Amino acid sequence: MPKKVSQGPSPRELMKPEEGEVICVVKKMLGAEHIVVLCTDGKQRTARIPGRMRKKVWIKEGDVVLVAPWDFQSDKGDIMYRYMHDEIRKLVENKIVDREVLDQLRG
């Protein structure tokens, strides 16, 4: 009997920031599912990793993430998505975010 041959992981659809969401770079892990991020709008925020991402999506310093700032406290927000390396390249190619901005945020 022939074995099943997989085609590899299917490519994920590129998550573009919607209204009220910003692209950020992780600067520091605070613990208890909280991190400090620097955003493309120039603000530094404390972001929270929601329960649906805990232990499923591992986030480390230097990662590019999509953050939805809170309406009532703009210096805090929730992480919506973590971008992979190929997705970051697509963001730059589609001119959603500049390479220089990401390099400045990363340090």
PDB file of N, CA and C in Angstrom:
ATOM      1  N   MET A   1       0.832  -1.168   0.000  1.00  0.00           N
ATOM      2  CA  MET A   1       0.000   0.000   0.000  1.00  0.00           C
ATOM      3  C   MET A   1       0.887   1.246   0.000  1.00  0.00           C
ATOM      4  N   PRO A   2       0.588   2.237  -0.846  1.00  0.00           N
ATOM      5  CA  PRO A   2       1.411   3.436  -0.885  1.00  0.00           C
ATOM      6  C   PRO A   2       1.183   4.308   0.349  1.00  0.00           C
ATOM      7  N   LYS A   3       2.232   5.029   0.682  1.00  0.00           N
ATOM      8  CA  LYS A   3       2.146   5.934   1.826  1.00  0.00           C
ATOM      9  C   LYS A   3       1.596   7.284   1.381  1.00  0.00           C
ATOM     10  N   LYS A   4       0.979   7.967   2.303  1.00  0.00           N
ATOM     11  CA  LYS A   4       0.487   9.309   2.014  1.00  0.00           C
ATOM     12  C   LYS A   4       1.676  10.259   1.955  1.00  0.00           C
ATOM     13  N   VAL A   5       1.699  11.083   0.956  1.00  0.00           N
ATOM     14  CA  VAL A   5       2.775  12.048   0.797  1.00  0.00           C
ATOM     15  C   VAL A   5       2.184  13.434   1.020  1.00  0.00           C
ATOM     16  N   SER A   6       2.742  14.147   1.973  1.00  0.00           N
ATOM     17  CA  SER A   6       2.226  15.491   2.237  1.00  0.00           C
ATOM     18  C   SER A   6       2.976  16.504   1.383  1.00  0.00           C
ATOM     19  N   GLN A   7       2.332  17.575   1.089  1.00  0.00           N
ATOM     20  CA  GLN A   7       2.913  18.636   0.283  1.00  0.00           C
ATOM     21  C   GLN A   7       3.629  19.670   1.141  1.00  0.00           C
ATOM     22  N   GLY A   8       3.712  19.461   2.436  1.00  0.00           N
ATOM     23  CA  GLY A   8       4.308  20.434   3.338  1.00  0.00           C
ATOM     24  C   GLY A   8       3.242  21.361   3.878  1.00  0.00           C
ATOM     25  N   PRO A   9       3.645  22.283   4.722  1.00  0.00           N
ATOM     26  CA  PRO A   9       2.647  23.183   5.304  1.00  0.00           C
ATOM     27  C   PRO A   9       2.075  24.124   4.252  1.00  0.00           C
ATOM     28  N   SER A  10       0.788  24.340   4.319  1.00  0.00           N
ATOM     29  CA  SER A  10       0.157  25.261   3.380  1.00  0.00           C
ATOM     30  C   SER A  10       0.487  26.692   3.802  1.00  0.00           C
ATOM     31  N   PRO A  11       0.709  27.580   2.834  1.00  0.00           N
ATOM     32  CA  PRO A  11       1.051  28.961   3.184  1.00  0.00           C
ATOM     33  C   PRO A  11      -0.122  29.665   3.857  1.00  0.00           C
ATOM     34  N   ARG A  12       0.214  30.439   4.896  1.00  0.00           N
ATOM     35  CA  ARG A  12      -0.830  31.175   5.607  1.00  0.00           C
ATOM     36  C   ARG A  12      -1.161  32.448   4.842  1.00  0.00           C
ATOM     37  N   GLU A  13      -2.400  32.873   4.963  1.00  0.00           N
ATOM     38  CA  GLU A  13      -2.816  34.119   4.337  1.00  0.00           C
ATOM     39  C   GLU A  13      -2.182  35.283   5.093  1.00  0.00           C
ATOM     40  N   LEU A  14      -1.687  36.272   4.361  1.00  0.00           N
ATOM     41  CA  LEU A  14      -1.008  37.411   4.964  1.00  0.00           C
ATOM     42  C   LEU A  14      -2.008  38.271   5.729  1.00  0.00           C
ATOM     43  N   MET A  15      -1.761  38.455   7.025  1.00  0.00           N
ATOM     44  CA  MET A  15      -2.622  39.286   7.871  1.00  0.00           C
ATOM     45  C   MET A  15      -2.175  40.742   7.744  1.00  0.00           C
ATOM     46  N   LYS A  16      -3.003  41.561   7.128  1.00  0.00           N
ATOM     47  CA  LYS A  16      -2.703  42.983   7.001  1.00  0.00           C
ATOM     48  C   LYS A  16      -3.363  43.715   8.159  1.00  0.00           C
ATOM     49  N   PRO A  17      -2.710  44.772   8.659  1.00  0.00           N
ATOM     50  CA  PRO A  17      -3.329  45.509   9.769  1.00  0.00           C
ATOM     51  C   PRO A  17      -4.612  46.203   9.328  1.00  0.00           C
ATOM     52  N   GLU A  18      -5.653  45.989  10.100  1.00  0.00           N
ATOM     53  CA  GLU A  18      -6.925  46.653   9.841  1.00  0.00           C
ATOM     54  C   GLU A  18      -6.945  47.972  10.602  1.00  0.00           C
ATOM     55  N   GLU A  19      -8.041  48.673  10.507  1.00  0.00           N
ATOM     56  CA  GLU A  19      -8.159  49.955  11.198  1.00  0.00           C
ATOM     57  C   GLU A  19      -8.062  49.733  12.705  1.00  0.00           C
ATOM     58  N   GLY A  20      -7.190  50.487  13.352  1.00  0.00           N
ATOM     59  CA  GLY A  20      -7.014  50.365  14.791  1.00  0.00           C
ATOM     60  C   GLY A  20      -5.940  49.368  15.197  1.00  0.00           C
ATOM     61  N   GLU A  21      -5.272  48.716  14.247  1.00  0.00           N
ATOM     62  CA  GLU A  21      -4.203  47.767  14.555  1.00  0.00           C
ATOM     63  C   GLU A  21      -2.879  48.322  14.045  1.00  0.00           C
ATOM     64  N   VAL A  22      -1.787  48.013  14.745  1.00  0.00           N
ATOM     65  CA  VAL A  22      -0.462  48.485  14.353  1.00  0.00           C
ATOM     66  C   VAL A  22       0.520  47.320  14.362  1.00  0.00           C
ATOM     67  N   ILE A  23       1.561  47.452  13.541  1.00  0.00           N
ATOM     68  CA  ILE A  23       2.633  46.463  13.503  1.00  0.00           C
ATOM     69  C   ILE A  23       3.691  46.903  14.501  1.00  0.00           C
ATOM     70  N   CYS A  24       4.158  45.963  15.325  1.00  0.00           N
ATOM     71  CA  CYS A  24       5.112  46.273  16.386  1.00  0.00           C
ATOM     72  C   CYS A  24       6.233  45.243  16.407  1.00  0.00           C
ATOM     73  N   VAL A  25       7.318  45.607  17.103  1.00  0.00           N
ATOM     74  CA  VAL A  25       8.448  44.702  17.324  1.00  0.00           C
ATOM     75  C   VAL A  25       8.574  44.470  18.820  1.00  0.00           C
ATOM     76  N   VAL A  26       8.745  43.206  19.221  1.00  0.00           N
ATOM     77  CA  VAL A  26       8.862  42.848  20.638  1.00  0.00           C
ATOM     78  C   VAL A  26      10.218  43.308  21.158  1.00  0.00           C
ATOM     79  N   LYS A  27      10.214  44.084  22.244  1.00  0.00           N
ATOM     80  CA  LYS A  27      11.452  44.580  22.840  1.00  0.00           C
ATOM     81  C   LYS A  27      11.844  43.824  24.099  1.00  0.00           C
ATOM     82  N   LYS A  28      10.869  43.483  24.942  1.00  0.00           N
ATOM     83  CA  LYS A  28      11.202  42.872  26.225  1.00  0.00           C
ATOM     84  C   LYS A  28      10.060  41.982  26.689  1.00  0.00           C
ATOM     85  N   MET A  29      10.423  40.833  27.228  1.00  0.00           N
ATOM     86  CA  MET A  29       9.440  39.924  27.810  1.00  0.00           C
ATOM     87  C   MET A  29       9.312  40.271  29.292  1.00  0.00           C
ATOM     88  N   LEU A  30       8.100  40.546  29.757  1.00  0.00           N
ATOM     89  CA  LEU A  30       7.889  40.930  31.150  1.00  0.00           C
ATOM     90  C   LEU A  30       7.470  39.754  32.022  1.00  0.00           C
ATOM     91  N   GLY A  31       6.948  38.713  31.435  1.00  0.00           N
ATOM     92  CA  GLY A  31       6.437  37.588  32.206  1.00  0.00           C
ATOM     93  C   GLY A  31       4.944  37.712  32.393  1.00  0.00           C
ATOM     94  N   ALA A  32       4.314  36.632  32.812  1.00  0.00           N
ATOM     95  CA  ALA A  32       2.860  36.577  33.014  1.00  0.00           C
ATOM     96  C   ALA A  32       2.121  37.002  31.747  1.00  0.00           C
ATOM     97  N   GLU A  33       2.615  36.558  30.589  1.00  0.00           N
ATOM     98  CA  GLU A  33       2.011  36.825  29.284  1.00  0.00           C
ATOM     99  C   GLU A  33       1.946  38.308  28.927  1.00  0.00           C
ATOM    100  N   HIS A  34       2.875  39.107  29.419  1.00  0.00           N
ATOM    101  CA  HIS A  34       2.956  40.517  29.076  1.00  0.00           C
ATOM    102  C   HIS A  34       4.318  40.795  28.446  1.00  0.00           C
ATOM    103  N   ILE A  35       4.327  41.664  27.432  1.00  0.00           N
ATOM    104  CA  ILE A  35       5.562  42.035  26.760  1.00  0.00           C
ATOM    105  C   ILE A  35       5.546  43.530  26.457  1.00  0.00           C
ATOM    106  N   VAL A  36       6.740  44.091  26.244  1.00  0.00           N
ATOM    107  CA  VAL A  36       6.878  45.488  25.837  1.00  0.00           C
ATOM    108  C   VAL A  36       7.155  45.484  24.339  1.00  0.00           C
ATOM    109  N   VAL A  37       6.385  46.278  23.579  1.00  0.00           N
ATOM    110  CA  VAL A  37       6.549  46.355  22.131  1.00  0.00           C
ATOM    111  C   VAL A  37       6.755  47.802  21.703  1.00  0.00           C
ATOM    112  N   LEU A  38       7.539  47.993  20.633  1.00  0.00           N
ATOM    113  CA  LEU A  38       7.689  49.292  19.987  1.00  0.00           C
ATOM    114  C   LEU A  38       6.907  49.236  18.689  1.00  0.00           C
ATOM    115  N   CYS A  39       6.023  50.199  18.493  1.00  0.00           N
ATOM    116  CA  CYS A  39       5.101  50.153  17.360  1.00  0.00           C
ATOM    117  C   CYS A  39       5.521  51.122  16.262  1.00  0.00           C
ATOM    118  N   THR A  40       4.999  50.885  15.057  1.00  0.00           N
ATOM    119  CA  THR A  40       5.333  51.728  13.913  1.00  0.00           C
ATOM    120  C   THR A  40       4.735  53.127  14.028  1.00  0.00           C
ATOM    121  N   ASP A  41       3.789  53.331  14.939  1.00  0.00           N
ATOM    122  CA  ASP A  41       3.247  54.676  15.148  1.00  0.00           C
ATOM    123  C   ASP A  41       4.081  55.471  16.149  1.00  0.00           C
ATOM    124  N   GLY A  42       5.214  54.904  16.600  1.00  0.00           N
ATOM    125  CA  GLY A  42       6.138  55.606  17.473  1.00  0.00           C
ATOM    126  C   GLY A  42       5.890  55.420  18.953  1.00  0.00           C
ATOM    127  N   LYS A  43       4.890  54.664  19.341  1.00  0.00           N
ATOM    128  CA  LYS A  43       4.570  54.476  20.755  1.00  0.00           C
ATOM    129  C   LYS A  43       5.144  53.170  21.279  1.00  0.00           C
ATOM    130  N   GLN A  44       5.442  53.175  22.560  1.00  0.00           N
ATOM    131  CA  GLN A  44       5.841  51.949  23.251  1.00  0.00           C
ATOM    132  C   GLN A  44       4.645  51.487  24.066  1.00  0.00           C
ATOM    133  N   ARG A  45       4.271  50.231  23.898  1.00  0.00           N
ATOM    134  CA  ARG A  45       3.088  49.701  24.565  1.00  0.00           C
ATOM    135  C   ARG A  45       3.432  48.447  25.343  1.00  0.00           C
ATOM    136  N   THR A  46       2.603  48.160  26.340  1.00  0.00           N
ATOM    137  CA  THR A  46       2.634  46.881  27.034  1.00  0.00           C
ATOM    138  C   THR A  46       1.527  46.039  26.422  1.00  0.00           C
ATOM    139  N   ALA A  47       1.917  44.924  25.826  1.00  0.00           N
ATOM    140  CA  ALA A  47       0.939  44.076  25.139  1.00  0.00           C
ATOM    141  C   ALA A  47       0.742  42.781  25.910  1.00  0.00           C
ATOM    142  N   ARG A  48      -0.436  42.222  25.760  1.00  0.00           N
ATOM    143  CA  ARG A  48      -0.810  40.994  26.449  1.00  0.00           C
ATOM    144  C   ARG A  48      -0.977  39.888  25.418  1.00  0.00           C
ATOM    145  N   ILE A  49      -0.446  38.703  25.739  1.00  0.00           N
ATOM    146  CA  ILE A  49      -0.634  37.537  24.878  1.00  0.00           C
ATOM    147  C   ILE A  49      -1.953  36.888  25.281  1.00  0.00           C
ATOM    148  N   PRO A  50      -2.940  36.835  24.383  1.00  0.00           N
ATOM    149  CA  PRO A  50      -4.242  36.270  24.757  1.00  0.00           C
ATOM    150  C   PRO A  50      -4.171  34.758  24.955  1.00  0.00           C
ATOM    151  N   GLY A  51      -5.158  34.228  25.642  1.00  0.00           N
ATOM    152  CA  GLY A  51      -5.184  32.808  25.974  1.00  0.00           C
ATOM    153  C   GLY A  51      -5.174  31.891  24.766  1.00  0.00           C
ATOM    154  N   ARG A  52      -5.753  32.320  23.647  1.00  0.00           N
ATOM    155  CA  ARG A  52      -5.787  31.459  22.463  1.00  0.00           C
ATOM    156  C   ARG A  52      -4.405  31.295  21.834  1.00  0.00           C
ATOM    157  N   MET A  53      -3.434  32.141  22.216  1.00  0.00           N
ATOM    158  CA  MET A  53      -2.084  32.048  21.664  1.00  0.00           C
ATOM    159  C   MET A  53      -1.086  31.426  22.635  1.00  0.00           C
ATOM    160  N   ARG A  54      -1.419  31.378  23.920  1.00  0.00           N
ATOM    161  CA  ARG A  54      -0.491  30.847  24.912  1.00  0.00           C
ATOM    162  C   ARG A  54      -0.169  29.395  24.626  1.00  0.00           C
ATOM    163  N   LYS A  55       1.098  29.059  24.694  1.00  0.00           N
ATOM    164  CA  LYS A  55       1.623  27.702  24.485  1.00  0.00           C
ATOM    165  C   LYS A  55       1.356  27.159  23.087  1.00  0.00           C
ATOM    166  N   LYS A  56       0.831  27.980  22.192  1.00  0.00           N
ATOM    167  CA  LYS A  56       0.645  27.571  20.801  1.00  0.00           C
ATOM    168  C   LYS A  56       1.544  28.383  19.884  1.00  0.00           C
ATOM    169  N   VAL A  57       1.654  29.672  20.163  1.00  0.00           N
ATOM    170  CA  VAL A  57       2.493  30.572  19.387  1.00  0.00           C
ATOM    171  C   VAL A  57       3.548  31.129  20.329  1.00  0.00           C
ATOM    172  N   TRP A  58       4.802  30.774  20.089  1.00  0.00           N
ATOM    173  CA  TRP A  58       5.881  31.230  20.961  1.00  0.00           C
ATOM    174  C   TRP A  58       6.436  32.540  20.431  1.00  0.00           C
ATOM    175  N   ILE A  59       6.464  33.547  21.298  1.00  0.00           N
ATOM    176  CA  ILE A  59       6.914  34.885  20.937  1.00  0.00           C
ATOM    177  C   ILE A  59       8.195  35.174  21.698  1.00  0.00           C
ATOM    178  N   LYS A  60       9.193  35.727  20.986  1.00  0.00           N
ATOM    179  CA  LYS A  60      10.467  36.068  21.616  1.00  0.00           C
ATOM    180  C   LYS A  60      10.863  37.490  21.213  1.00  0.00           C
ATOM    181  N   GLU A  61      11.894  38.018  21.856  1.00  0.00           N
ATOM    182  CA  GLU A  61      12.343  39.375  21.570  1.00  0.00           C
ATOM    183  C   GLU A  61      12.800  39.475  20.119  1.00  0.00           C
ATOM    184  N   GLY A  62      12.425  40.567  19.461  1.00  0.00           N
ATOM    185  CA  GLY A  62      12.779  40.787  18.069  1.00  0.00           C
ATOM    186  C   GLY A  62      11.720  40.342  17.081  1.00  0.00           C
ATOM    187  N   ASP A  63      10.696  39.630  17.533  1.00  0.00           N
ATOM    188  CA  ASP A  63       9.623  39.187  16.640  1.00  0.00           C
ATOM    189  C   ASP A  63       8.750  40.368  16.223  1.00  0.00           C
ATOM    190  N   VAL A  64       8.185  40.273  15.035  1.00  0.00           N
ATOM    191  CA  VAL A  64       7.256  41.285  14.533  1.00  0.00           C
ATOM    192  C   VAL A  64       5.842  40.766  14.767  1.00  0.00           C
ATOM    193  N   VAL A  65       5.021  41.581  15.444  1.00  0.00           N
ATOM    194  CA  VAL A  65       3.672  41.162  15.819  1.00  0.00           C
ATOM    195  C   VAL A  65       2.660  42.229  15.406  1.00  0.00           C
ATOM    196  N   LEU A  66       1.414  41.816  15.335  1.00  0.00           N
ATOM    197  CA  LEU A  66       0.299  42.721  15.068  1.00  0.00           C
ATOM    198  C   LEU A  66      -0.424  42.965  16.385  1.00  0.00           C
ATOM    199  N   VAL A  67      -0.558  44.239  16.769  1.00  0.00           N
ATOM    200  CA  VAL A  67      -1.136  44.591  18.068  1.00  0.00           C
ATOM    201  C   VAL A  67      -2.380  45.446  17.862  1.00  0.00           C
ATOM    202  N   ALA A  68      -3.411  45.152  18.647  1.00  0.00           N
ATOM    203  CA  ALA A  68      -4.631  45.962  18.665  1.00  0.00           C
ATOM    204  C   ALA A  68      -4.642  46.752  19.970  1.00  0.00           C
ATOM    205  N   PRO A  69      -4.354  48.070  19.915  1.00  0.00           N
ATOM    206  CA  PRO A  69      -4.367  48.872  21.139  1.00  0.00           C
ATOM    207  C   PRO A  69      -5.764  48.921  21.752  1.00  0.00           C
ATOM    208  N   TRP A  70      -5.793  49.015  23.071  1.00  0.00           N
ATOM    209  CA  TRP A  70      -7.068  49.114  23.778  1.00  0.00           C
ATOM    210  C   TRP A  70      -7.681  50.485  23.531  1.00  0.00           C
ATOM    211  N   ASP A  71      -9.001  50.553  23.480  1.00  0.00           N
ATOM    212  CA  ASP A  71      -9.696  51.820  23.256  1.00  0.00           C
ATOM    213  C   ASP A  71      -9.570  52.751  24.457  1.00  0.00           C
ATOM    214  N   PHE A  72      -9.612  52.201  25.650  1.00  0.00           N
ATOM    215  CA  PHE A  72      -9.638  53.016  26.861  1.00  0.00           C
ATOM    216  C   PHE A  72      -8.253  53.282  27.436  1.00  0.00           C
ATOM    217  N   GLN A  73      -7.210  52.589  26.972  1.00  0.00           N
ATOM    218  CA  GLN A  73      -5.835  52.804  27.416  1.00  0.00           C
ATOM    219  C   GLN A  73      -4.934  52.570  26.215  1.00  0.00           C
ATOM    220  N   SER A  74      -4.510  53.640  25.554  1.00  0.00           N
ATOM    221  CA  SER A  74      -3.778  53.477  24.301  1.00  0.00           C
ATOM    222  C   SER A  74      -2.352  52.984  24.500  1.00  0.00           C
ATOM    223  N   ASP A  75      -1.829  52.997  25.738  1.00  0.00           N
ATOM    224  CA  ASP A  75      -0.465  52.506  25.970  1.00  0.00           C
ATOM    225  C   ASP A  75      -0.432  51.002  26.247  1.00  0.00           C
ATOM    226  N   LYS A  76      -1.578  50.324  26.115  1.00  0.00           N
ATOM    227  CA  LYS A  76      -1.656  48.875  26.289  1.00  0.00           C
ATOM    228  C   LYS A  76      -2.422  48.284  25.112  1.00  0.00           C
ATOM    229  N   GLY A  77      -2.240  46.979  24.895  1.00  0.00           N
ATOM    230  CA  GLY A  77      -2.938  46.343  23.785  1.00  0.00           C
ATOM    231  C   GLY A  77      -2.852  44.835  23.845  1.00  0.00           C
ATOM    232  N   ASP A  78      -3.475  44.189  22.874  1.00  0.00           N
ATOM    233  CA  ASP A  78      -3.479  42.736  22.757  1.00  0.00           C
ATOM    234  C   ASP A  78      -2.748  42.331  21.485  1.00  0.00           C
ATOM    235  N   ILE A  79      -1.985  41.253  21.563  1.00  0.00           N
ATOM    236  CA  ILE A  79      -1.315  40.717  20.386  1.00  0.00           C
ATOM    237  C   ILE A  79      -2.342  39.926  19.587  1.00  0.00           C
ATOM    238  N   MET A  80      -2.418  40.213  18.304  1.00  0.00           N
ATOM    239  CA  MET A  80      -3.374  39.536  17.441  1.00  0.00           C
ATOM    240  C   MET A  80      -2.714  38.450  16.589  1.00  0.00           C
ATOM    241  N   TYR A  81      -1.426  38.648  16.233  1.00  0.00           N
ATOM    242  CA  TYR A  81      -0.782  37.762  15.268  1.00  0.00           C
ATOM    243  C   TYR A  81       0.730  37.929  15.363  1.00  0.00           C
ATOM    244  N   ARG A  82       1.474  36.849  15.129  1.00  0.00           N
ATOM    245  CA  ARG A  82       2.942  36.914  15.035  1.00  0.00           C
ATOM    246  C   ARG A  82       3.331  36.585  13.602  1.00  0.00           C
ATOM    247  N   TYR A  83       4.125  37.471  12.987  1.00  0.00           N
ATOM    248  CA  TYR A  83       4.540  37.292  11.603  1.00  0.00           C
ATOM    249  C   TYR A  83       5.773  36.400  11.517  1.00  0.00           C
ATOM    250  N   MET A  84       5.779  35.490  10.529  1.00  0.00           N
ATOM    251  CA  MET A  84       6.942  34.661  10.211  1.00  0.00           C
ATOM    252  C   MET A  84       7.873  35.466   9.303  1.00  0.00           C
ATOM    253  N   HIS A  85       9.095  34.945   9.069  1.00  0.00           N
ATOM    254  CA  HIS A  85      10.083  35.673   8.268  1.00  0.00           C
ATOM    255  C   HIS A  85       9.599  35.937   6.842  1.00  0.00           C
ATOM    256  N   ASP A  86       8.981  34.952   6.212  1.00  0.00           N
ATOM    257  CA  ASP A  86       8.509  35.157   4.842  1.00  0.00           C
ATOM    258  C   ASP A  86       7.342  36.145   4.792  1.00  0.00           C
ATOM    259  N   GLU A  87       6.544  36.196   5.845  1.00  0.00           N
ATOM    260  CA  GLU A  87       5.438  37.151   5.895  1.00  0.00           C
ATOM    261  C   GLU A  87       5.948  38.576   6.083  1.00  0.00           C
ATOM    262  N   ILE A  88       7.043  38.741   6.829  1.00  0.00           N
ATOM    263  CA  ILE A  88       7.645  40.070   6.994  1.00  0.00           C
ATOM    264  C   ILE A  88       8.156  40.560   5.645  1.00  0.00           C
ATOM    265  N   ARG A  89       8.765  39.657   4.886  1.00  0.00           N
ATOM    266  CA  ARG A  89       9.255  40.005   3.556  1.00  0.00           C
ATOM    267  C   ARG A  89       8.093  40.442   2.656  1.00  0.00           C
ATOM    268  N   LYS A  90       6.958  39.760   2.745  1.00  0.00           N
ATOM    269  CA  LYS A  90       5.786  40.127   1.942  1.00  0.00           C
ATOM    270  C   LYS A  90       5.216  41.478   2.371  1.00  0.00           C
ATOM    271  N   LEU A  91       5.263  41.780   3.676  1.00  0.00           N
ATOM    272  CA  LEU A  91       4.803  43.088   4.153  1.00  0.00           C
ATOM    273  C   LEU A  91       5.645  44.204   3.545  1.00  0.00           C
ATOM    274  N   VAL A  92       6.964  43.982   3.460  1.00  0.00           N
ATOM    275  CA  VAL A  92       7.860  44.986   2.885  1.00  0.00           C
ATOM    276  C   VAL A  92       7.626  45.097   1.380  1.00  0.00           C
ATOM    277  N   GLU A  93       7.471  43.954   0.693  1.00  0.00           N
ATOM    278  CA  GLU A  93       7.235  43.973  -0.754  1.00  0.00           C
ATOM    279  C   GLU A  93       5.921  44.665  -1.105  1.00  0.00           C
ATOM    280  N   ASN A  94       4.886  44.482  -0.298  1.00  0.00           N
ATOM    281  CA  ASN A  94       3.583  45.106  -0.551  1.00  0.00           C
ATOM    282  C   ASN A  94       3.512  46.535  -0.028  1.00  0.00           C
ATOM    283  N   LYS A  95       4.616  47.037   0.507  1.00  0.00           N
ATOM    284  CA  LYS A  95       4.743  48.410   1.016  1.00  0.00           C
ATOM    285  C   LYS A  95       3.744  48.709   2.123  1.00  0.00           C
ATOM    286  N   ILE A  96       3.466  47.703   2.946  1.00  0.00           N
ATOM    287  CA  ILE A  96       2.625  47.910   4.119  1.00  0.00           C
ATOM    288  C   ILE A  96       3.461  48.525   5.231  1.00  0.00           C
ATOM    289  N   VAL A  97       4.728  48.123   5.300  1.00  0.00           N
ATOM    290  CA  VAL A  97       5.666  48.675   6.277  1.00  0.00           C
ATOM    291  C   VAL A  97       7.030  48.785   5.598  1.00  0.00           C
ATOM    292  N   ASP A  98       7.804  49.827   5.949  1.00  0.00           N
ATOM    293  CA  ASP A  98       9.127  50.024   5.360  1.00  0.00           C
ATOM    294  C   ASP A  98      10.171  49.177   6.068  1.00  0.00           C
ATOM    295  N   ARG A  99      11.156  48.697   5.317  1.00  0.00           N
ATOM    296  CA  ARG A  99      12.258  47.913   5.881  1.00  0.00           C
ATOM    297  C   ARG A  99      13.049  48.763   6.883  1.00  0.00           C
ATOM    298  N   GLU A 100      13.240  50.056   6.583  1.00  0.00           N
ATOM    299  CA  GLU A 100      14.007  50.932   7.470  1.00  0.00           C
ATOM    300  C   GLU A 100      13.317  51.080   8.824  1.00  0.00           C
ATOM    301  N   VAL A 101      11.998  51.167   8.806  1.00  0.00           N
ATOM    302  CA  VAL A 101      11.246  51.306  10.056  1.00  0.00           C
ATOM    303  C   VAL A 101      11.421  50.060  10.913  1.00  0.00           C
ATOM    304  N   LEU A 102      11.325  48.882  10.300  1.00  0.00           N
ATOM    305  CA  LEU A 102      11.511  47.637  11.054  1.00  0.00           C
ATOM    306  C   LEU A 102      12.926  47.533  11.605  1.00  0.00           C
ATOM    307  N   ASP A 103      13.928  47.935  10.801  1.00  0.00           N
ATOM    308  CA  ASP A 103      15.313  47.877  11.269  1.00  0.00           C
ATOM    309  C   ASP A 103      15.539  48.825  12.442  1.00  0.00           C
ATOM    310  N   GLN A 104      14.928  50.015  12.403  1.00  0.00           N
ATOM    311  CA  GLN A 104      15.059  50.962  13.510  1.00  0.00           C
ATOM    312  C   GLN A 104      14.397  50.427  14.769  1.00  0.00           C
ATOM    313  N   LEU A 105      13.236  49.815  14.632  1.00  0.00           N
ATOM    314  CA  LEU A 105      12.534  49.283  15.799  1.00  0.00           C
ATOM    315  C   LEU A 105      13.274  48.104  16.409  1.00  0.00           C
ATOM    316  N   ARG A 106      13.929  47.304  15.579  1.00  0.00           N
ATOM    317  CA  ARG A 106      14.666  46.143  16.092  1.00  0.00           C
ATOM    318  C   ARG A 106      15.952  46.547  16.790  1.00  0.00           C
ATOM    319  N   GLY A 107      16.437  47.728  16.538  1.00  0.00           N
ATOM    320  CA  GLY A 107      17.602  48.175  17.292  1.00  0.00           C
ATOM    321  C   GLY A 107      18.714  48.511  16.432  1.00  0.00           C
TER     322      GLY A 107
END
